Amino acid sequence: MTLPISRNPATDPVVNAAAPLVAKHALNATDAVILRSVLDLVATLRTTGDALVLVTSDQRLLRAAQAEGVLTFDPTTQTEGDLDALLTT
Protein backbone atom coordinates (compact mmCIF):
# COMPACT_ATOMS: atom_id res chain seq x y z
CA MET A 1 0.00 0.00 0.00
CA THR A 2 1.35 3.40 -0.95
CA LEU A 3 0.32 6.38 1.09
CA PRO A 4 0.01 9.73 -0.61
CA ILE A 5 2.62 12.24 0.44
CA SER A 6 1.99 15.93 0.19
CA ARG A 7 4.37 18.78 0.75
CA ASN A 8 3.13 21.95 2.27
CA PRO A 9 5.36 24.99 2.22
CA ALA A 10 6.31 26.47 5.54
CA THR A 11 4.59 29.78 6.03
CA ASP A 12 6.07 30.88 9.35
CA PRO A 13 8.83 33.46 8.76
CA VAL A 14 11.00 32.06 11.57
CA VAL A 15 10.78 28.55 10.15
CA ASN A 16 11.70 29.81 6.69
CA ALA A 17 14.58 31.86 8.05
CA ALA A 18 15.83 28.86 10.04
CA ALA A 19 16.10 26.57 7.03
CA PRO A 20 19.63 27.68 6.00
CA LEU A 21 20.88 27.02 9.54
CA VAL A 22 20.06 23.31 9.14
CA ALA A 23 22.73 22.88 6.47
CA LYS A 24 25.15 25.51 7.77
CA HIS A 25 25.46 23.94 11.23
CA ALA A 26 24.14 20.38 10.66
CA LEU A 27 21.20 21.08 12.99
CA ASN A 28 17.87 19.37 13.17
CA ALA A 29 14.87 21.53 12.28
CA THR A 30 13.85 22.19 15.87
CA ASP A 31 17.32 23.36 16.89
CA ALA A 32 17.52 25.53 13.78
CA VAL A 33 14.26 27.28 14.75
CA ILE A 34 15.58 27.75 18.29
CA LEU A 35 18.85 29.20 16.98
CA ARG A 36 17.07 31.49 14.50
CA SER A 37 14.83 32.77 17.30
CA VAL A 38 17.84 33.32 19.54
CA LEU A 39 19.69 35.21 16.79
CA ASP A 40 16.68 37.45 16.21
CA LEU A 41 16.35 38.13 19.93
CA VAL A 42 20.09 38.80 20.30
CA ALA A 43 19.91 41.34 17.47
CA THR A 44 17.00 43.10 19.15
CA LEU A 45 18.65 43.09 22.58
CA ARG A 46 21.90 44.49 21.21
CA THR A 47 20.06 47.61 20.08
CA THR A 48 19.30 48.36 23.72
CA GLY A 49 22.71 47.36 25.04
CA ASP A 50 21.42 44.11 26.50
CA ALA A 51 22.61 40.56 25.91
CA LEU A 52 21.30 37.02 25.98
CA VAL A 53 22.92 33.83 27.25
CA LEU A 54 21.68 30.63 25.64
CA VAL A 55 21.60 27.83 28.22
CA THR A 56 21.73 24.39 26.64
CA SER A 57 23.42 21.05 27.05
CA ASP A 58 22.79 20.14 23.40
CA GLN A 59 26.31 20.13 21.99
CA ARG A 60 25.36 20.68 18.36
CA LEU A 61 23.14 23.65 19.24
CA LEU A 62 25.84 24.95 21.58
CA ARG A 63 28.52 24.88 18.86
CA ALA A 64 26.20 26.44 16.28
CA ALA A 65 25.23 29.27 18.63
CA GLN A 66 28.87 29.91 19.50
CA ALA A 67 29.75 29.99 15.79
CA GLU A 68 27.04 32.63 15.33
CA GLY A 69 28.50 34.74 18.16
CA VAL A 70 25.90 33.95 20.82
CA LEU A 71 26.95 33.79 24.47
CA THR A 72 26.32 30.25 25.72
CA PHE A 73 26.30 28.29 28.95
CA ASP A 74 26.38 24.50 29.21
CA PRO A 75 25.07 23.45 32.64
CA THR A 76 26.60 19.99 32.29
CA THR A 77 30.18 21.23 31.90
CA GLN A 78 30.27 24.77 33.27
CA THR A 79 29.96 26.04 36.81
CA GLU A 80 27.71 28.57 38.47
CA GLY A 81 30.77 30.82 38.59
CA ASP A 82 31.07 30.57 34.81
CA LEU A 83 27.47 31.67 34.48
CA ASP A 84 28.00 34.55 36.88
CA ALA A 85 30.96 35.68 34.76
CA LEU A 86 28.81 35.62 31.62
CA LEU A 87 26.05 37.59 33.30
CA THR A 88 28.36 40.32 34.54
CA THR A 89 30.09 41.00 31.20
PDB file of N, CA and C in Angstrom:
ATOM      1  N   MET A   1       0.848  -1.169   0.000  1.00  0.00           N
ATOM      2  CA  MET A   1       0.000   0.000   0.000  1.00  0.00           C
ATOM      3  C   MET A   1       0.894   1.233   0.000  1.00  0.00           C
ATOM      4  N   THR A   2       0.604   2.149  -0.866  1.00  0.00           N
ATOM      5  CA  THR A   2       1.346   3.400  -0.953  1.00  0.00           C
ATOM      6  C   THR A   2       0.483   4.525  -0.413  1.00  0.00           C
ATOM      7  N   LEU A   3       1.045   5.246   0.529  1.00  0.00           N
ATOM      8  CA  LEU A   3       0.324   6.382   1.095  1.00  0.00           C
ATOM      9  C   LEU A   3       0.685   7.644   0.328  1.00  0.00           C
ATOM     10  N   PRO A   4      -0.297   8.474   0.081  1.00  0.00           N
ATOM     11  CA  PRO A   4       0.014   9.731  -0.612  1.00  0.00           C
ATOM     12  C   PRO A   4       0.827  10.661   0.292  1.00  0.00           C
ATOM     13  N   ILE A   5       1.788  11.290  -0.293  1.00  0.00           N
ATOM     14  CA  ILE A   5       2.618  12.243   0.439  1.00  0.00           C
ATOM     15  C   ILE A   5       2.393  13.618  -0.169  1.00  0.00           C
ATOM     16  N   SER A   6       2.139  14.567   0.687  1.00  0.00           N
ATOM     17  CA  SER A   6       1.988  15.930   0.189  1.00  0.00           C
ATOM     18  C   SER A   6       2.994  16.819   0.881  1.00  0.00           C
ATOM     19  N   ARG A   7       3.445  17.802   0.179  1.00  0.00           N
ATOM     20  CA  ARG A   7       4.373  18.777   0.746  1.00  0.00           C
ATOM     21  C   ARG A   7       3.660  20.103   0.855  1.00  0.00           C
ATOM     22  N   ASN A   8       3.724  20.650   2.036  1.00  0.00           N
ATOM     23  CA  ASN A   8       3.126  21.953   2.270  1.00  0.00           C
ATOM     24  C   ASN A   8       4.243  22.922   2.605  1.00  0.00           C
ATOM     25  N   PRO A   9       4.289  24.032   1.924  1.00  0.00           N
ATOM     26  CA  PRO A   9       5.361  24.993   2.216  1.00  0.00           C
ATOM     27  C   PRO A   9       5.206  25.582   3.611  1.00  0.00           C
ATOM     28  N   ALA A  10       6.335  25.816   4.237  1.00  0.00           N
ATOM     29  CA  ALA A  10       6.313  26.473   5.543  1.00  0.00           C
ATOM     30  C   ALA A  10       5.910  27.923   5.329  1.00  0.00           C
ATOM     31  N   THR A  11       5.044  28.401   6.182  1.00  0.00           N
ATOM     32  CA  THR A  11       4.586  29.779   6.035  1.00  0.00           C
ATOM     33  C   THR A  11       5.061  30.674   7.174  1.00  0.00           C
ATOM     34  N   ASP A  12       5.586  30.096   8.230  1.00  0.00           N
ATOM     35  CA  ASP A  12       6.072  30.884   9.354  1.00  0.00           C
ATOM     36  C   ASP A  12       7.421  31.495   8.995  1.00  0.00           C
ATOM     37  N   PRO A  13       7.574  32.815   9.132  1.00  0.00           N
ATOM     38  CA  PRO A  13       8.833  33.458   8.765  1.00  0.00           C
ATOM     39  C   PRO A  13      10.045  32.933   9.538  1.00  0.00           C
ATOM     40  N   VAL A  14       9.871  32.582  10.794  1.00  0.00           N
ATOM     41  CA  VAL A  14      10.998  32.061  11.575  1.00  0.00           C
ATOM     42  C   VAL A  14      11.427  30.700  11.032  1.00  0.00           C
ATOM     43  N   VAL A  15      10.465  29.866  10.702  1.00  0.00           N
ATOM     44  CA  VAL A  15      10.783  28.551  10.147  1.00  0.00           C
ATOM     45  C   VAL A  15      11.516  28.708   8.822  1.00  0.00           C
ATOM     46  N   ASN A  16      11.027  29.585   7.978  1.00  0.00           N
ATOM     47  CA  ASN A  16      11.696  29.808   6.693  1.00  0.00           C
ATOM     48  C   ASN A  16      13.096  30.362   6.884  1.00  0.00           C
ATOM     49  N   ALA A  17      13.269  31.275   7.806  1.00  0.00           N
ATOM     50  CA  ALA A  17      14.583  31.865   8.052  1.00  0.00           C
ATOM     51  C   ALA A  17      15.540  30.871   8.696  1.00  0.00           C
ATOM     52  N   ALA A  18      15.004  29.866   9.376  1.00  0.00           N
ATOM     53  CA  ALA A  18      15.833  28.861  10.042  1.00  0.00           C
ATOM     54  C   ALA A  18      16.369  27.814   9.080  1.00  0.00           C
ATOM     55  N   ALA A  19      15.725  27.646   7.958  1.00  0.00           N
ATOM     56  CA  ALA A  19      16.104  26.568   7.033  1.00  0.00           C
ATOM     57  C   ALA A  19      17.587  26.570   6.664  1.00  0.00           C
ATOM     58  N   PRO A  20      18.195  27.712   6.337  1.00  0.00           N
ATOM     59  CA  PRO A  20      19.628  27.678   6.000  1.00  0.00           C
ATOM     60  C   PRO A  20      20.527  27.229   7.153  1.00  0.00           C
ATOM     61  N   LEU A  21      20.073  27.413   8.380  1.00  0.00           N
ATOM     62  CA  LEU A  21      20.875  27.016   9.536  1.00  0.00           C
ATOM     63  C   LEU A  21      20.985  25.498   9.664  1.00  0.00           C
ATOM     64  N   VAL A  22      20.028  24.769   9.106  1.00  0.00           N
ATOM     65  CA  VAL A  22      20.064  23.312   9.143  1.00  0.00           C
ATOM     66  C   VAL A  22      21.324  22.816   8.445  1.00  0.00           C
ATOM     67  N   ALA A  23      21.553  23.306   7.241  1.00  0.00           N
ATOM     68  CA  ALA A  23      22.731  22.880   6.473  1.00  0.00           C
ATOM     69  C   ALA A  23      24.012  23.522   6.996  1.00  0.00           C
ATOM     70  N   LYS A  24      23.949  24.787   7.345  1.00  0.00           N
ATOM     71  CA  LYS A  24      25.147  25.511   7.772  1.00  0.00           C
ATOM     72  C   LYS A  24      25.782  24.886   9.009  1.00  0.00           C
ATOM     73  N   HIS A  25      24.950  24.444   9.958  1.00  0.00           N
ATOM     74  CA  HIS A  25      25.463  23.938  11.228  1.00  0.00           C
ATOM     75  C   HIS A  25      25.103  22.473  11.493  1.00  0.00           C
ATOM     76  N   ALA A  26      24.559  21.784  10.502  1.00  0.00           N
ATOM     77  CA  ALA A  26      24.141  20.382  10.657  1.00  0.00           C
ATOM     78  C   ALA A  26      23.190  20.216  11.847  1.00  0.00           C
ATOM     79  N   LEU A  27      22.189  21.105  11.918  1.00  0.00           N
ATOM     80  CA  LEU A  27      21.203  21.078  12.994  1.00  0.00           C
ATOM     81  C   LEU A  27      19.946  20.350  12.550  1.00  0.00           C
ATOM     82  N   ASN A  28      19.197  19.844  13.515  1.00  0.00           N
ATOM     83  CA  ASN A  28      17.865  19.368  13.175  1.00  0.00           C
ATOM     84  C   ASN A  28      16.953  20.594  13.074  1.00  0.00           C
ATOM     85  N   ALA A  29      15.772  20.399  12.544  1.00  0.00           N
ATOM     86  CA  ALA A  29      14.874  21.528  12.283  1.00  0.00           C
ATOM     87  C   ALA A  29      14.488  22.276  13.555  1.00  0.00           C
ATOM     88  N   THR A  30      14.237  21.544  14.622  1.00  0.00           N
ATOM     89  CA  THR A  30      13.845  22.189  15.873  1.00  0.00           C
ATOM     90  C   THR A  30      14.959  23.080  16.406  1.00  0.00           C
ATOM     91  N   ASP A  31      16.189  22.560  16.414  1.00  0.00           N
ATOM     92  CA  ASP A  31      17.318  23.360  16.894  1.00  0.00           C
ATOM     93  C   ASP A  31      17.575  24.562  15.991  1.00  0.00           C
ATOM     94  N   ALA A  32      17.341  24.405  14.699  1.00  0.00           N
ATOM     95  CA  ALA A  32      17.517  25.527  13.775  1.00  0.00           C
ATOM     96  C   ALA A  32      16.512  26.636  14.074  1.00  0.00           C
ATOM     97  N   VAL A  33      15.281  26.273  14.391  1.00  0.00           N
ATOM     98  CA  VAL A  33      14.264  27.275  14.746  1.00  0.00           C
ATOM     99  C   VAL A  33      14.642  27.945  16.070  1.00  0.00           C
ATOM    100  N   ILE A  34      15.136  27.162  17.023  1.00  0.00           N
ATOM    101  CA  ILE A  34      15.582  27.749  18.289  1.00  0.00           C
ATOM    102  C   ILE A  34      16.714  28.731  18.032  1.00  0.00           C
ATOM    103  N   LEU A  35      17.713  28.320  17.253  1.00  0.00           N
ATOM    104  CA  LEU A  35      18.849  29.200  16.978  1.00  0.00           C
ATOM    105  C   LEU A  35      18.408  30.451  16.230  1.00  0.00           C
ATOM    106  N   ARG A  36      17.536  30.315  15.248  1.00  0.00           N
ATOM    107  CA  ARG A  36      17.066  31.495  14.504  1.00  0.00           C
ATOM    108  C   ARG A  36      16.353  32.458  15.437  1.00  0.00           C
ATOM    109  N   SER A  37      15.535  31.925  16.331  1.00  0.00           N
ATOM    110  CA  SER A  37      14.830  32.767  17.297  1.00  0.00           C
ATOM    111  C   SER A  37      15.806  33.470  18.226  1.00  0.00           C
ATOM    112  N   VAL A  38      16.819  32.735  18.669  1.00  0.00           N
ATOM    113  CA  VAL A  38      17.845  33.320  19.537  1.00  0.00           C
ATOM    114  C   VAL A  38      18.585  34.432  18.799  1.00  0.00           C
ATOM    115  N   LEU A  39      18.961  34.190  17.563  1.00  0.00           N
ATOM    116  CA  LEU A  39      19.687  35.205  16.795  1.00  0.00           C
ATOM    117  C   LEU A  39      18.850  36.467  16.606  1.00  0.00           C
ATOM    118  N   ASP A  40      17.567  36.285  16.353  1.00  0.00           N
ATOM    119  CA  ASP A  40      16.679  37.447  16.213  1.00  0.00           C
ATOM    120  C   ASP A  40      16.577  38.214  17.526  1.00  0.00           C
ATOM    121  N   LEU A  41      16.453  37.488  18.617  1.00  0.00           N
ATOM    122  CA  LEU A  41      16.352  38.126  19.927  1.00  0.00           C
ATOM    123  C   LEU A  41      17.656  38.825  20.308  1.00  0.00           C
ATOM    124  N   VAL A  42      18.783  38.186  20.032  1.00  0.00           N
ATOM    125  CA  VAL A  42      20.094  38.800  20.299  1.00  0.00           C
ATOM    126  C   VAL A  42      20.220  40.111  19.539  1.00  0.00           C
ATOM    127  N   ALA A  43      19.827  40.116  18.280  1.00  0.00           N
ATOM    128  CA  ALA A  43      19.912  41.341  17.473  1.00  0.00           C
ATOM    129  C   ALA A  43      19.058  42.450  18.073  1.00  0.00           C
ATOM    130  N   THR A  44      17.872  42.107  18.530  1.00  0.00           N
ATOM    131  CA  THR A  44      16.997  43.095  19.155  1.00  0.00           C
ATOM    132  C   THR A  44      17.592  43.606  20.463  1.00  0.00           C
ATOM    133  N   LEU A  45      18.087  42.701  21.284  1.00  0.00           N
ATOM    134  CA  LEU A  45      18.652  43.093  22.577  1.00  0.00           C
ATOM    135  C   LEU A  45      19.891  43.960  22.429  1.00  0.00           C
ATOM    136  N   ARG A  46      20.685  43.692  21.406  1.00  0.00           N
ATOM    137  CA  ARG A  46      21.899  44.490  21.206  1.00  0.00           C
ATOM    138  C   ARG A  46      21.576  45.958  20.938  1.00  0.00           C
ATOM    139  N   THR A  47      20.425  46.218  20.352  1.00  0.00           N
ATOM    140  CA  THR A  47      20.063  47.614  20.075  1.00  0.00           C
ATOM    141  C   THR A  47      19.812  48.403  21.341  1.00  0.00           C
ATOM    142  N   THR A  48      19.536  47.696  22.434  1.00  0.00           N
ATOM    143  CA  THR A  48      19.298  48.361  23.717  1.00  0.00           C
ATOM    144  C   THR A  48      20.465  48.182  24.683  1.00  0.00           C
ATOM    145  N   GLY A  49      21.545  47.576  24.194  1.00  0.00           N
ATOM    146  CA  GLY A  49      22.714  47.362  25.038  1.00  0.00           C
ATOM    147  C   GLY A  49      22.604  46.148  25.937  1.00  0.00           C
ATOM    148  N   ASP A  50      21.612  45.314  25.696  1.00  0.00           N
ATOM    149  CA  ASP A  50      21.418  44.113  26.498  1.00  0.00           C
ATOM    150  C   ASP A  50      21.985  42.893  25.776  1.00  0.00           C
ATOM    151  N   ALA A  51      22.073  41.788  26.482  1.00  0.00           N
ATOM    152  CA  ALA A  51      22.613  40.561  25.913  1.00  0.00           C
ATOM    153  C   ALA A  51      21.744  39.374  26.313  1.00  0.00           C
ATOM    154  N   LEU A  52      22.014  38.249  25.708  1.00  0.00           N
ATOM    155  CA  LEU A  52      21.299  37.021  25.983  1.00  0.00           C
ATOM    156  C   LEU A  52      22.326  35.911  26.155  1.00  0.00           C
ATOM    157  N   VAL A  53      22.099  35.017  27.096  1.00  0.00           N
ATOM    158  CA  VAL A  53      22.924  33.826  27.251  1.00  0.00           C
ATOM    159  C   VAL A  53      22.029  32.624  26.960  1.00  0.00           C
ATOM    160  N   LEU A  54      22.408  31.842  25.969  1.00  0.00           N
ATOM    161  CA  LEU A  54      21.675  30.629  25.640  1.00  0.00           C
ATOM    162  C   LEU A  54      22.169  29.515  26.549  1.00  0.00           C
ATOM    163  N   VAL A  55      21.264  28.940  27.325  1.00  0.00           N
ATOM    164  CA  VAL A  55      21.599  27.835  28.219  1.00  0.00           C
ATOM    165  C   VAL A  55      21.119  26.545  27.564  1.00  0.00           C
ATOM    166  N   THR A  56      22.069  25.665  27.259  1.00  0.00           N
ATOM    167  CA  THR A  56      21.732  24.387  26.636  1.00  0.00           C
ATOM    168  C   THR A  56      22.828  23.370  26.904  1.00  0.00           C
ATOM    169  N   SER A  57      22.435  22.112  26.964  1.00  0.00           N
ATOM    170  CA  SER A  57      23.422  21.046  27.054  1.00  0.00           C
ATOM    171  C   SER A  57      23.505  20.285  25.733  1.00  0.00           C
ATOM    172  N   ASP A  58      22.758  20.728  24.737  1.00  0.00           N
ATOM    173  CA  ASP A  58      22.791  20.137  23.405  1.00  0.00           C
ATOM    174  C   ASP A  58      24.065  20.626  22.707  1.00  0.00           C
ATOM    175  N   GLN A  59      24.994  19.729  22.493  1.00  0.00           N
ATOM    176  CA  GLN A  59      26.310  20.126  21.987  1.00  0.00           C
ATOM    177  C   GLN A  59      26.271  20.694  20.577  1.00  0.00           C
ATOM    178  N   ARG A  60      25.440  20.164  19.730  1.00  0.00           N
ATOM    179  CA  ARG A  60      25.357  20.681  18.364  1.00  0.00           C
ATOM    180  C   ARG A  60      24.782  22.096  18.364  1.00  0.00           C
ATOM    181  N   LEU A  61      23.726  22.319  19.129  1.00  0.00           N
ATOM    182  CA  LEU A  61      23.138  23.654  19.237  1.00  0.00           C
ATOM    183  C   LEU A  61      24.127  24.609  19.886  1.00  0.00           C
ATOM    184  N   LEU A  62      24.837  24.141  20.888  1.00  0.00           N
ATOM    185  CA  LEU A  62      25.835  24.954  21.579  1.00  0.00           C
ATOM    186  C   LEU A  62      26.914  25.432  20.605  1.00  0.00           C
ATOM    187  N   ARG A  63      27.466  24.506  19.828  1.00  0.00           N
ATOM    188  CA  ARG A  63      28.519  24.876  18.864  1.00  0.00           C
ATOM    189  C   ARG A  63      27.993  25.826  17.797  1.00  0.00           C
ATOM    190  N   ALA A  64      26.788  25.586  17.313  1.00  0.00           N
ATOM    191  CA  ALA A  64      26.203  26.443  16.284  1.00  0.00           C
ATOM    192  C   ALA A  64      25.983  27.855  16.821  1.00  0.00           C
ATOM    193  N   ALA A  65      25.463  27.952  18.028  1.00  0.00           N
ATOM    194  CA  ALA A  65      25.228  29.267  18.633  1.00  0.00           C
ATOM    195  C   ALA A  65      26.547  30.000  18.839  1.00  0.00           C
ATOM    196  N   GLN A  66      27.556  29.294  19.317  1.00  0.00           N
ATOM    197  CA  GLN A  66      28.873  29.912  19.502  1.00  0.00           C
ATOM    198  C   GLN A  66      29.439  30.396  18.167  1.00  0.00           C
ATOM    199  N   ALA A  67      29.269  29.602  17.117  1.00  0.00           N
ATOM    200  CA  ALA A  67      29.747  29.985  15.793  1.00  0.00           C
ATOM    201  C   ALA A  67      29.046  31.237  15.281  1.00  0.00           C
ATOM    202  N   GLU A  68      27.815  31.443  15.730  1.00  0.00           N
ATOM    203  CA  GLU A  68      27.044  32.626  15.333  1.00  0.00           C
ATOM    204  C   GLU A  68      27.286  33.811  16.273  1.00  0.00           C
ATOM    205  N   GLY A  69      28.154  33.636  17.264  1.00  0.00           N
ATOM    206  CA  GLY A  69      28.497  34.735  18.159  1.00  0.00           C
ATOM    207  C   GLY A  69      27.588  34.906  19.355  1.00  0.00           C
ATOM    208  N   VAL A  70      26.817  33.887  19.683  1.00  0.00           N
ATOM    209  CA  VAL A  70      25.898  33.945  20.818  1.00  0.00           C
ATOM    210  C   VAL A  70      26.644  33.514  22.086  1.00  0.00           C
ATOM    211  N   LEU A  71      26.414  34.215  23.184  1.00  0.00           N
ATOM    212  CA  LEU A  71      26.945  33.787  24.472  1.00  0.00           C
ATOM    213  C   LEU A  71      26.209  32.521  24.887  1.00  0.00           C
ATOM    214  N   THR A  72      26.950  31.518  25.359  1.00  0.00           N
ATOM    215  CA  THR A  72      26.322  30.252  25.717  1.00  0.00           C
ATOM    216  C   THR A  72      26.802  29.767  27.078  1.00  0.00           C
ATOM    217  N   PHE A  73      25.971  28.924  27.667  1.00  0.00           N
ATOM    218  CA  PHE A  73      26.298  28.287  28.946  1.00  0.00           C
ATOM    219  C   PHE A  73      25.811  26.850  28.884  1.00  0.00           C
ATOM    220  N   ASP A  74      26.710  25.914  29.175  1.00  0.00           N
ATOM    221  CA  ASP A  74      26.379  24.497  29.208  1.00  0.00           C
ATOM    222  C   ASP A  74      26.351  24.044  30.669  1.00  0.00           C
ATOM    223  N   PRO A  75      25.167  23.789  31.217  1.00  0.00           N
ATOM    224  CA  PRO A  75      25.074  23.447  32.638  1.00  0.00           C
ATOM    225  C   PRO A  75      25.701  22.101  32.989  1.00  0.00           C
ATOM    226  N   THR A  76      25.999  21.279  31.993  1.00  0.00           N
ATOM    227  CA  THR A  76      26.605  19.985  32.288  1.00  0.00           C
ATOM    228  C   THR A  76      28.123  20.065  32.396  1.00  0.00           C
ATOM    229  N   THR A  77      28.718  21.139  31.875  1.00  0.00           N
ATOM    230  CA  THR A  77      30.181  21.232  31.900  1.00  0.00           C
ATOM    231  C   THR A  77      30.705  22.516  32.525  1.00  0.00           C
ATOM    232  N   GLN A  78      29.843  23.492  32.710  1.00  0.00           N
ATOM    233  CA  GLN A  78      30.268  24.768  33.272  1.00  0.00           C
ATOM    234  C   GLN A  78      29.706  24.938  34.680  1.00  0.00           C
ATOM    235  N   THR A  79      30.338  25.834  35.416  1.00  0.00           N
ATOM    236  CA  THR A  79      29.956  26.037  36.814  1.00  0.00           C
ATOM    237  C   THR A  79      29.067  27.265  36.966  1.00  0.00           C
ATOM    238  N   GLU A  80      28.510  27.388  38.147  1.00  0.00           N
ATOM    239  CA  GLU A  80      27.712  28.571  38.469  1.00  0.00           C
ATOM    240  C   GLU A  80      28.576  29.822  38.362  1.00  0.00           C
ATOM    241  N   GLY A  81      29.849  29.700  38.728  1.00  0.00           N
ATOM    242  CA  GLY A  81      30.773  30.820  38.587  1.00  0.00           C
ATOM    243  C   GLY A  81      30.957  31.245  37.138  1.00  0.00           C
ATOM    244  N   ASP A  82      30.985  30.260  36.235  1.00  0.00           N
ATOM    245  CA  ASP A  82      31.074  30.574  34.811  1.00  0.00           C
ATOM    246  C   ASP A  82      29.848  31.355  34.343  1.00  0.00           C
ATOM    247  N   LEU A  83      28.701  30.952  34.831  1.00  0.00           N
ATOM    248  CA  LEU A  83      27.468  31.668  34.478  1.00  0.00           C
ATOM    249  C   LEU A  83      27.483  33.079  35.031  1.00  0.00           C
ATOM    250  N   ASP A  84      27.911  33.213  36.271  1.00  0.00           N
ATOM    251  CA  ASP A  84      28.003  34.545  36.879  1.00  0.00           C
ATOM    252  C   ASP A  84      28.920  35.453  36.057  1.00  0.00           C
ATOM    253  N   ALA A  85      30.017  34.904  35.584  1.00  0.00           N
ATOM    254  CA  ALA A  85      30.956  35.677  34.763  1.00  0.00           C
ATOM    255  C   ALA A  85      30.305  36.129  33.466  1.00  0.00           C
ATOM    256  N   LEU A  86      29.508  35.247  32.848  1.00  0.00           N
ATOM    257  CA  LEU A  86      28.808  35.625  31.623  1.00  0.00           C
ATOM    258  C   LEU A  86      27.780  36.724  31.866  1.00  0.00           C
ATOM    259  N   LEU A  87      27.121  36.636  33.000  1.00  0.00           N
ATOM    260  CA  LEU A  87      26.049  37.586  33.297  1.00  0.00           C
ATOM    261  C   LEU A  87      26.572  38.953  33.728  1.00  0.00           C
ATOM    262  N   THR A  88      27.823  39.037  34.101  1.00  0.00           N
ATOM    263  CA  THR A  88      28.359  40.318  34.544  1.00  0.00           C
ATOM    264  C   THR A  88      29.214  40.983  33.462  1.00  0.00           C
ATOM    265  N   THR A  89      29.314  40.391  32.290  1.00  0.00           N
ATOM    266  CA  THR A  89      30.087  41.005  31.202  1.00  0.00           C
ATOM    267  C   THR A  89      29.229  41.901  30.367  1.00  0.00           C
TER     268      THR A  89
END
